[in-house]
């Protein structure tokens, strides 16, 4: 029996099992088995030289956004409208067969937009080019799930289910669970919050399913069984997602209003060029890009080329800004002067841990290099060796 058949068999058993207090331990073990099998399904076959055929798209710009959706929902048209890059669009399905990149120039930044081939139900099992599409989505900073406003609402659930099956968690934060394997000592279970979905016995059974008999577990929140399995697997990607409903020009105003009021959703029309500016603004807010302008000492700030920071790509502190400028600047920095919304007063004298906000101006003041001879008549330091062992030995006397 193959892995896919075993997964379907376990899913059928979970569907037959009634959910109550007596069966929660059995269901927890079945969930752990499914997670293990899906991880094996995504691994490359043994003896393979590489990870298989994929989309060769080099990362470019300050952020990456992936377009995911069913065939013929308007992904290629949206890419052409936002970036100017031509992506073939036609009335038949699967027009796009490979990954087509484009660049959005917005707020002095460059955002890479990827038009991916349409995925179908069963993409997580390898149908179509689902695995390559999902692999590119994992490397993105934001996912735009393009949906057809005239189709049924079930498309959103199908796509979300396919992405979650391969370890993508949309609009979720990592669970507050500390987990560490140990060599000896058994399983140590502790919690700082009341648990209603999992207990110590179920935690032991899940760990034994993974053949883990020595570990340290600490729950800091009321997490579920699925959250605990995600922490054990350790290969989950938590990514933000915006649901883009296209073709609103073919549905009624009541349906448009209902779709627009759903969480993390936005409605557009590529045919009539409706609401595209709002989509760009929403992408900017979700990605959390921070533009920081540099100010050389005694000169005006440079507002032409900002340094773009992001919490997903390094961080947004003064130290991260110094690393963007030059990797040795952190050692030479004495303090930083910051103008902008993150400063209490303009300018504010800050250290490396100061968190920067959008459109801040930063001036780095470097340490002054001391001369070799020190100041004035007296030397500030001695040239003599610090230890006796470092002194040069005199040549022995000739006999």
Protein backbone atom coordinates (compact mmCIF):
# COMPACT_ATOMS: atom_id res chain seq x y z
CA UNK A 1 0.00 0.00 0.00
CA UNK A 2 1.37 3.41 -0.99
CA UNK A 3 1.63 6.49 1.20
CA UNK A 4 -1.36 8.22 -0.44
CA UNK A 5 -3.58 5.14 0.09
CA UNK A 6 -2.52 4.92 3.75
CA UNK A 7 -3.34 8.61 4.26
CA UNK A 8 -6.80 8.15 2.71
CA UNK A 9 -7.41 5.07 4.86
CA UNK A 10 -6.55 6.97 8.07
CA UNK A 11 -8.71 9.94 6.99
CA UNK A 12 -11.63 7.56 6.41
CA UNK A 13 -11.11 6.06 9.88
CA UNK A 14 -11.10 9.56 11.43
CA UNK A 15 -14.33 10.39 9.60
CA UNK A 16 -15.98 7.22 10.97
CA UNK A 17 -14.82 7.85 14.56
CA UNK A 18 -17.14 9.86 16.78
CA UNK A 19 -15.55 12.85 18.49
CA UNK A 20 -15.97 12.62 22.26
CA UNK A 21 -13.89 12.38 25.42
CA UNK A 22 -13.28 8.64 25.02
CA UNK A 23 -11.93 8.84 21.45
CA UNK A 24 -9.76 11.99 21.70
CA UNK A 25 -6.59 9.95 22.41
CA UNK A 26 -7.23 7.69 19.40
CA UNK A 27 -7.88 10.70 17.15
CA UNK A 28 -4.70 12.37 18.38
CA UNK A 29 -2.63 9.32 17.42
CA UNK A 30 -4.27 9.21 13.97
CA UNK A 31 -3.45 12.90 13.40
CA UNK A 32 0.19 12.23 14.27
CA UNK A 33 0.29 9.29 11.81
CA UNK A 34 -1.13 11.45 9.00
CA UNK A 35 1.43 14.22 9.71
CA UNK A 36 4.29 11.68 9.52
CA UNK A 37 3.01 10.21 6.24
CA UNK A 38 2.58 13.65 4.64
CA UNK A 39 6.15 14.55 5.62
CA UNK A 40 7.36 11.34 3.92
CA UNK A 41 5.28 12.22 0.85
CA UNK A 42 7.07 15.58 0.45
CA UNK A 43 10.56 14.11 0.89
CA UNK A 44 12.50 13.32 -2.32
CA UNK A 45 12.77 9.61 -3.16
CA UNK A 46 15.77 7.73 -1.80
CA UNK A 47 18.74 7.71 -4.13
CA UNK A 48 17.64 10.89 -5.91
CA UNK A 49 20.47 13.29 -6.65
CA UNK A 50 18.40 16.43 -6.01
CA UNK A 51 15.02 17.76 -5.05
CA UNK A 52 13.59 17.26 -8.55
CA UNK A 53 12.48 19.66 -11.23
CA UNK A 54 11.39 23.08 -9.99
CA UNK A 55 10.96 26.69 -11.05
CA UNK A 56 14.30 28.50 -11.36
CA UNK A 57 13.33 31.97 -10.15
CA UNK A 58 16.02 34.09 -8.48
CA UNK A 59 14.94 36.25 -5.55
CA UNK A 60 14.87 39.90 -6.51
CA UNK A 61 13.81 43.11 -4.81
CA UNK A 62 12.82 43.83 -1.25
CA UNK A 63 9.98 41.30 -1.00
CA UNK A 64 8.37 38.38 -2.83
CA UNK A 65 4.64 37.87 -3.43
CA UNK A 66 3.18 34.68 -4.95
CA UNK A 67 -0.11 34.44 -6.86
CA UNK A 68 -1.90 31.15 -6.10
CA UNK A 69 -5.27 30.04 -7.38
CA UNK A 70 -7.26 27.72 -9.60
CA UNK A 71 -6.80 27.93 -13.40
CA UNK A 72 -8.50 30.83 -15.24
CA UNK A 73 -9.15 33.12 -12.26
CA UNK A 74 -7.12 36.06 -13.62
CA UNK A 75 -3.63 35.61 -12.15
CA UNK A 76 -1.81 36.35 -15.42
CA UNK A 77 -3.97 39.40 -16.11
CA UNK A 78 -3.32 40.71 -12.59
CA UNK A 79 0.45 40.30 -13.07
CA UNK A 80 0.30 42.22 -16.35
CA UNK A 81 -1.77 45.03 -14.80
CA UNK A 82 0.50 45.49 -11.72
CA UNK A 83 3.97 44.98 -13.23
CA UNK A 84 3.68 45.56 -16.96
CA UNK A 85 5.28 42.14 -17.57
CA UNK A 86 3.42 40.24 -20.29
CA UNK A 87 1.99 36.94 -19.11
CA UNK A 88 -0.09 35.04 -21.65
CA UNK A 89 -3.80 35.04 -20.80
CA UNK A 90 -6.49 33.10 -22.67
CA UNK A 91 -9.97 31.75 -22.17
CA UNK A 92 -8.79 28.16 -21.72
CA UNK A 93 -7.35 26.64 -18.52
CA UNK A 94 -3.63 26.08 -17.77
CA UNK A 95 -2.45 28.92 -20.03
CA UNK A 96 0.51 29.54 -17.70
CA UNK A 97 2.74 26.45 -17.49
CA UNK A 98 5.77 27.88 -15.66
CA UNK A 99 6.59 30.62 -13.14
CA UNK A 100 6.61 34.13 -14.66
CA UNK A 101 8.19 36.87 -12.47
CA UNK A 102 7.42 40.58 -12.55
CA UNK A 103 8.47 43.61 -10.48
CA UNK A 104 6.14 46.12 -8.81
CA UNK A 105 7.68 49.57 -8.22
CA UNK A 106 5.77 50.92 -5.21
CA UNK A 107 6.80 53.47 -2.55
CA UNK A 108 10.45 53.54 -3.72
CA UNK A 109 10.69 49.76 -3.30
CA UNK A 110 10.82 46.79 -5.66
CA UNK A 111 8.44 43.91 -4.92
CA UNK A 112 8.78 40.68 -6.92
CA UNK A 113 5.41 39.27 -8.05
CA UNK A 114 5.28 35.64 -9.24
CA UNK A 115 2.58 34.30 -11.55
CA UNK A 116 2.39 30.57 -10.76
CA UNK A 117 0.53 27.89 -12.73
CA UNK A 118 -2.97 27.09 -11.52
CA UNK A 119 -3.19 24.30 -8.97
CA UNK A 120 -5.98 21.77 -8.69
CA UNK A 121 -7.45 19.64 -5.94
CA UNK A 122 -4.90 17.02 -4.93
CA UNK A 123 -1.88 19.29 -5.55
CA UNK A 124 -0.38 18.30 -2.19
CA UNK A 125 -0.25 14.69 -3.44
CA UNK A 126 1.68 15.72 -6.58
CA UNK A 127 -1.16 16.23 -9.07
CA UNK A 128 -0.43 18.75 -11.81
CA UNK A 129 2.59 20.87 -10.89
CA UNK A 130 1.30 21.36 -7.37
CA UNK A 131 4.52 20.52 -5.54
CA UNK A 132 6.63 23.03 -7.48
CA UNK A 133 3.97 25.74 -7.04
CA UNK A 134 3.75 25.16 -3.29
CA UNK A 135 7.58 25.09 -2.95
CA UNK A 136 7.78 28.59 -4.49
CA UNK A 137 4.93 29.77 -2.25
CA UNK A 138 6.94 28.65 0.81
CA UNK A 139 9.78 30.98 -0.19
CA UNK A 140 7.46 34.00 -0.49
CA UNK A 141 6.82 36.75 2.05
CA UNK A 142 3.12 37.04 1.14
CA UNK A 143 0.59 34.86 -0.69
CA UNK A 144 -2.20 36.36 -2.79
CA UNK A 145 -4.88 33.68 -3.18
CA UNK A 146 -6.75 34.75 -6.33
CA UNK A 147 -10.37 33.53 -6.37
CA UNK A 148 -13.23 33.89 -8.83
CA UNK A 149 -16.02 35.93 -7.23
CA UNK A 150 -18.63 34.22 -9.44
CA UNK A 151 -17.61 30.68 -8.38
CA UNK A 152 -18.59 28.82 -5.22
CA UNK A 153 -17.05 29.64 -1.83
CA UNK A 154 -15.68 26.09 -1.61
CA UNK A 155 -12.63 27.01 -3.73
CA UNK A 156 -11.15 28.96 -0.82
CA UNK A 157 -11.50 25.99 1.55
CA UNK A 158 -10.00 23.57 -1.03
CA UNK A 159 -6.93 25.74 -1.62
CA UNK A 160 -6.43 26.36 2.11
CA UNK A 161 -6.66 22.62 2.78
CA UNK A 162 -4.10 21.84 0.04
CA UNK A 163 -1.64 24.42 1.38
CA UNK A 164 -2.05 23.24 4.99
CA UNK A 165 -1.45 19.64 3.91
CA UNK A 166 2.10 20.56 2.86
CA UNK A 167 2.95 22.62 5.94
CA UNK A 168 1.82 26.15 4.98
CA UNK A 169 -0.11 27.88 7.78
CA UNK A 170 -2.00 30.88 6.45
CA UNK A 171 -2.53 33.92 8.71
CA UNK A 172 -1.44 32.02 11.81
CA UNK A 173 1.31 32.62 14.35
CA UNK A 174 3.68 29.92 15.61
CA UNK A 175 2.23 28.24 18.72
CA UNK A 176 3.77 29.16 22.05
CA UNK A 177 5.12 25.68 22.79
CA UNK A 178 8.69 24.97 23.90
CA UNK A 179 9.90 21.56 22.70
CA UNK A 180 13.40 20.13 22.95
CA UNK A 181 14.66 16.58 22.52
CA UNK A 182 16.96 15.13 25.18
CA UNK A 183 19.22 12.10 25.36
CA UNK A 184 18.02 10.88 28.77
CA UNK A 185 15.60 11.79 31.52
CA UNK A 186 12.25 10.78 30.04
CA UNK A 187 9.52 13.24 29.08
CA UNK A 188 9.15 16.42 31.14
CA UNK A 189 5.66 17.98 30.70
CA UNK A 190 4.81 21.44 32.06
CA UNK A 191 2.25 24.15 31.30
CA UNK A 192 1.75 27.80 32.25
CA UNK A 193 -1.83 28.01 30.90
CA UNK A 194 -4.94 25.85 31.40
CA UNK A 195 -5.21 23.25 28.60
CA UNK A 196 -8.60 22.19 27.20
CA UNK A 197 -7.59 20.43 23.94
CA UNK A 198 -4.63 18.29 25.06
CA UNK A 199 -3.38 16.74 28.29
CA UNK A 200 -0.24 14.99 29.51
CA UNK A 201 -1.37 11.49 28.51
CA UNK A 202 -2.22 12.52 24.93
CA UNK A 203 1.10 14.38 24.70
CA UNK A 204 2.97 11.19 25.69
CA UNK A 205 1.08 9.12 23.11
CA UNK A 206 1.87 11.56 20.28
CA UNK A 207 5.56 11.65 21.23
CA UNK A 208 5.68 7.83 21.35
CA UNK A 209 4.15 7.77 17.86
CA UNK A 210 7.21 9.77 16.73
CA UNK A 211 9.46 7.42 18.76
CA UNK A 212 10.51 10.27 21.06
CA UNK A 213 10.97 9.03 24.64
CA UNK A 214 13.17 11.80 26.09
CA UNK A 215 12.04 15.38 25.65
CA UNK A 216 11.14 18.61 27.41
CA UNK A 217 7.69 20.11 26.67
CA UNK A 218 6.32 23.43 27.94
CA UNK A 219 2.91 24.83 26.87
CA UNK A 220 2.64 28.61 27.18
CA UNK A 221 -0.88 28.81 25.68
CA UNK A 222 -4.02 26.72 25.24
CA UNK A 223 -2.78 24.93 22.10
CA UNK A 224 -4.45 22.14 20.14
CA UNK A 225 -3.21 18.70 19.09
CA UNK A 226 -2.47 20.03 15.57
CA UNK A 227 -0.34 22.84 17.03
CA UNK A 228 1.70 20.37 19.07
CA UNK A 229 2.25 18.13 16.00
CA UNK A 230 3.40 21.19 14.01
CA UNK A 231 6.00 21.99 16.68
CA UNK A 232 7.29 18.38 16.66
CA UNK A 233 7.55 18.34 12.84
CA UNK A 234 9.39 21.68 12.89
CA UNK A 235 9.03 22.29 9.12
CA UNK A 236 5.92 24.46 9.10
CA UNK A 237 5.92 27.86 7.37
CA UNK A 238 3.69 30.57 8.88
CA UNK A 239 2.86 33.06 6.13
CA UNK A 240 0.41 35.90 5.64
CA UNK A 241 -2.28 35.49 2.98
CA UNK A 242 -4.71 37.93 1.33
CA UNK A 243 -7.78 36.49 -0.43
CA UNK A 244 -8.25 38.44 -3.69
CA UNK A 245 -11.71 38.05 -5.25
CA UNK A 246 -11.46 38.89 -8.97
CA UNK A 247 -14.25 39.40 -11.55
CA UNK A 248 -16.56 41.40 -9.26
CA UNK A 249 -18.02 43.04 -12.38
CA UNK A 250 -20.05 39.88 -13.12
CA UNK A 251 -21.74 39.53 -9.70
CA UNK A 252 -24.28 41.62 -7.81
CA UNK A 253 -23.45 44.44 -5.39
CA UNK A 254 -24.74 42.38 -2.43
CA UNK A 255 -22.25 39.58 -3.16
CA UNK A 256 -19.42 42.10 -3.56
CA UNK A 257 -20.28 43.68 -0.19
CA UNK A 258 -20.38 40.25 1.49
CA UNK A 259 -17.00 39.20 0.05
CA UNK A 260 -15.35 42.53 0.90
CA UNK A 261 -16.38 42.25 4.57
CA UNK A 262 -14.72 38.85 5.06
CA UNK A 263 -11.45 38.89 7.05
CA UNK A 264 -8.18 39.19 5.05
CA UNK A 265 -10.15 39.70 1.82
CA UNK A 266 -10.18 42.32 -0.93
CA UNK A 267 -12.32 42.58 -4.09
CA UNK A 268 -10.96 43.68 -7.48
CA UNK A 269 -11.76 43.58 -11.18
CA UNK A 270 -8.87 43.26 -13.65
CA UNK A 271 -11.25 43.73 -16.58
CA UNK A 272 -12.45 47.16 -15.41
CA UNK A 273 -9.29 48.02 -13.39
CA UNK A 274 -11.25 48.37 -10.15
CA UNK A 275 -9.64 48.62 -6.68
CA UNK A 276 -6.09 47.80 -7.83
CA UNK A 277 -4.63 50.74 -5.87
CA UNK A 278 -6.29 49.42 -2.70
CA UNK A 279 -4.76 45.99 -3.40
CA UNK A 280 -1.25 47.50 -3.62
CA UNK A 281 -1.79 49.39 -0.35
CA UNK A 282 -2.99 46.20 1.34
CA UNK A 283 0.07 44.29 0.07
CA UNK A 284 2.33 47.01 1.48
CA UNK A 285 0.64 46.87 4.90
CA UNK A 286 0.76 43.07 5.10
CA UNK A 287 4.46 42.81 4.13
CA UNK A 288 5.49 45.37 6.77
CA UNK A 289 8.34 46.91 4.78
CA UNK A 290 10.21 49.75 6.51
CA UNK A 291 12.05 52.42 4.47
CA UNK A 292 15.03 53.98 6.26
CA UNK A 293 16.94 56.94 4.76
CA UNK A 294 20.61 57.53 5.51
CA UNK A 295 22.05 60.92 6.48
CA UNK A 296 25.81 61.48 6.06
CA UNK A 297 27.38 63.69 8.74
CA UNK A 298 27.06 67.38 7.85
CA UNK A 299 24.94 66.69 4.73
CA UNK A 300 21.27 66.45 3.75
CA UNK A 301 19.49 63.04 3.95
CA UNK A 302 19.48 60.89 0.82
CA UNK A 303 15.78 60.46 -0.06
CA UNK A 304 16.43 58.81 -3.43
CA UNK A 305 17.60 55.32 -2.42
CA UNK A 306 16.13 54.07 0.89
CA UNK A 307 17.36 51.03 2.78
CA UNK A 308 14.36 48.68 2.99
CA UNK A 309 14.12 46.59 6.17
CA UNK A 310 11.59 43.92 7.10
CA UNK A 311 10.88 41.87 10.21
CA UNK A 312 10.77 38.73 8.01
CA UNK A 313 14.15 39.49 6.44
CA UNK A 314 16.51 40.22 9.31
CA UNK A 315 14.71 42.82 11.43
CA UNK A 316 14.06 46.56 11.75
CA UNK A 317 16.58 47.75 14.36
CA UNK A 318 19.54 50.13 14.06
CA UNK A 319 21.84 47.09 14.10
CA UNK A 320 20.01 45.62 11.08
CA UNK A 321 20.33 48.97 9.30
CA UNK A 322 24.10 48.99 9.95
CA UNK A 323 24.40 45.45 8.54
CA UNK A 324 22.56 46.61 5.40
CA UNK A 325 25.06 49.46 4.91
CA UNK A 326 28.23 47.48 5.71
CA UNK A 327 28.94 44.47 7.89
CA UNK A 328 31.78 46.24 9.80
CA UNK A 329 29.73 49.33 10.65
CA UNK A 330 28.35 47.80 13.86
CA UNK A 331 31.84 47.55 15.40
CA UNK A 332 32.74 51.12 14.44
CA UNK A 333 29.44 52.73 15.56
CA UNK A 334 29.49 54.97 18.63
CA UNK A 335 25.80 55.98 18.57
CA UNK A 336 23.04 56.76 16.06
CA UNK A 337 20.91 59.88 15.57
CA UNK A 338 17.34 59.06 14.52
CA UNK A 339 14.68 61.41 13.12
CA UNK A 340 11.12 60.15 12.56
CA UNK A 341 8.11 58.53 14.22
CA UNK A 342 10.19 56.03 16.21
CA UNK A 343 12.14 58.83 17.97
CA UNK A 344 10.82 60.52 21.13
CA UNK A 345 12.44 63.79 20.08
CA UNK A 346 14.25 64.85 16.90
CA UNK A 347 17.00 63.82 16.76
CA UNK A 348 17.20 61.03 19.37
CA UNK A 349 20.50 59.53 20.45
CA UNK A 350 19.99 55.75 20.05
CA UNK A 351 21.83 52.47 20.38
CA UNK A 352 21.81 49.29 18.32
CA UNK A 353 18.53 47.97 19.74
CA UNK A 354 16.40 50.97 18.69
CA UNK A 355 13.42 49.80 16.58
CA UNK A 356 13.00 51.81 13.38
CA UNK A 357 9.73 52.71 11.66
CA UNK A 358 8.81 53.62 8.09
CA UNK A 359 10.50 56.73 6.63
CA UNK A 360 12.92 57.24 9.53
CA UNK A 361 16.21 59.10 8.93
CA UNK A 362 19.35 57.64 10.55
CA UNK A 363 22.82 59.13 10.95
CA UNK A 364 25.58 56.82 12.21
CA UNK A 365 28.30 58.46 14.33
CA UNK A 366 31.49 56.38 14.30
CA UNK A 367 34.12 56.05 17.00
CA UNK A 368 37.18 58.27 16.65
CA UNK A 369 40.39 56.43 15.90
CA UNK A 370 43.22 57.16 18.39
CA UNK A 371 46.64 58.10 17.12
CA UNK A 372 49.52 55.73 17.71
CA UNK A 373 51.28 58.09 20.11
CA UNK A 374 48.27 59.20 22.14
CA UNK A 375 47.38 62.81 23.08
CA UNK A 376 49.67 65.57 24.34
CA UNK A 377 53.05 64.90 25.89
CA UNK A 378 52.03 61.63 27.56
CA UNK A 379 51.21 58.37 25.86
CA UNK A 380 47.76 56.89 26.51
CA UNK A 381 49.12 53.35 26.38
CA UNK A 382 52.42 51.52 26.54
CA UNK A 383 54.05 49.60 23.72
CA UNK A 384 55.50 47.04 26.15
CA UNK A 385 54.09 43.49 26.01
CA UNK A 386 51.32 42.75 28.49
CA UNK A 387 52.69 39.36 29.58
CA UNK A 388 56.19 38.15 30.41
CA UNK A 389 55.76 35.21 28.01
CA UNK A 390 55.29 37.64 25.09
CA UNK A 391 58.65 39.38 25.64
CA UNK A 392 61.38 38.74 23.15
CA UNK A 393 64.18 36.55 24.47
CA UNK A 394 67.71 37.90 24.17
CA UNK A 395 70.26 35.94 22.25
CA UNK A 396 72.53 33.83 24.48
CA UNK A 397 75.99 35.22 25.25
CA UNK A 398 78.78 33.91 23.09
CA UNK A 399 81.34 31.81 24.93
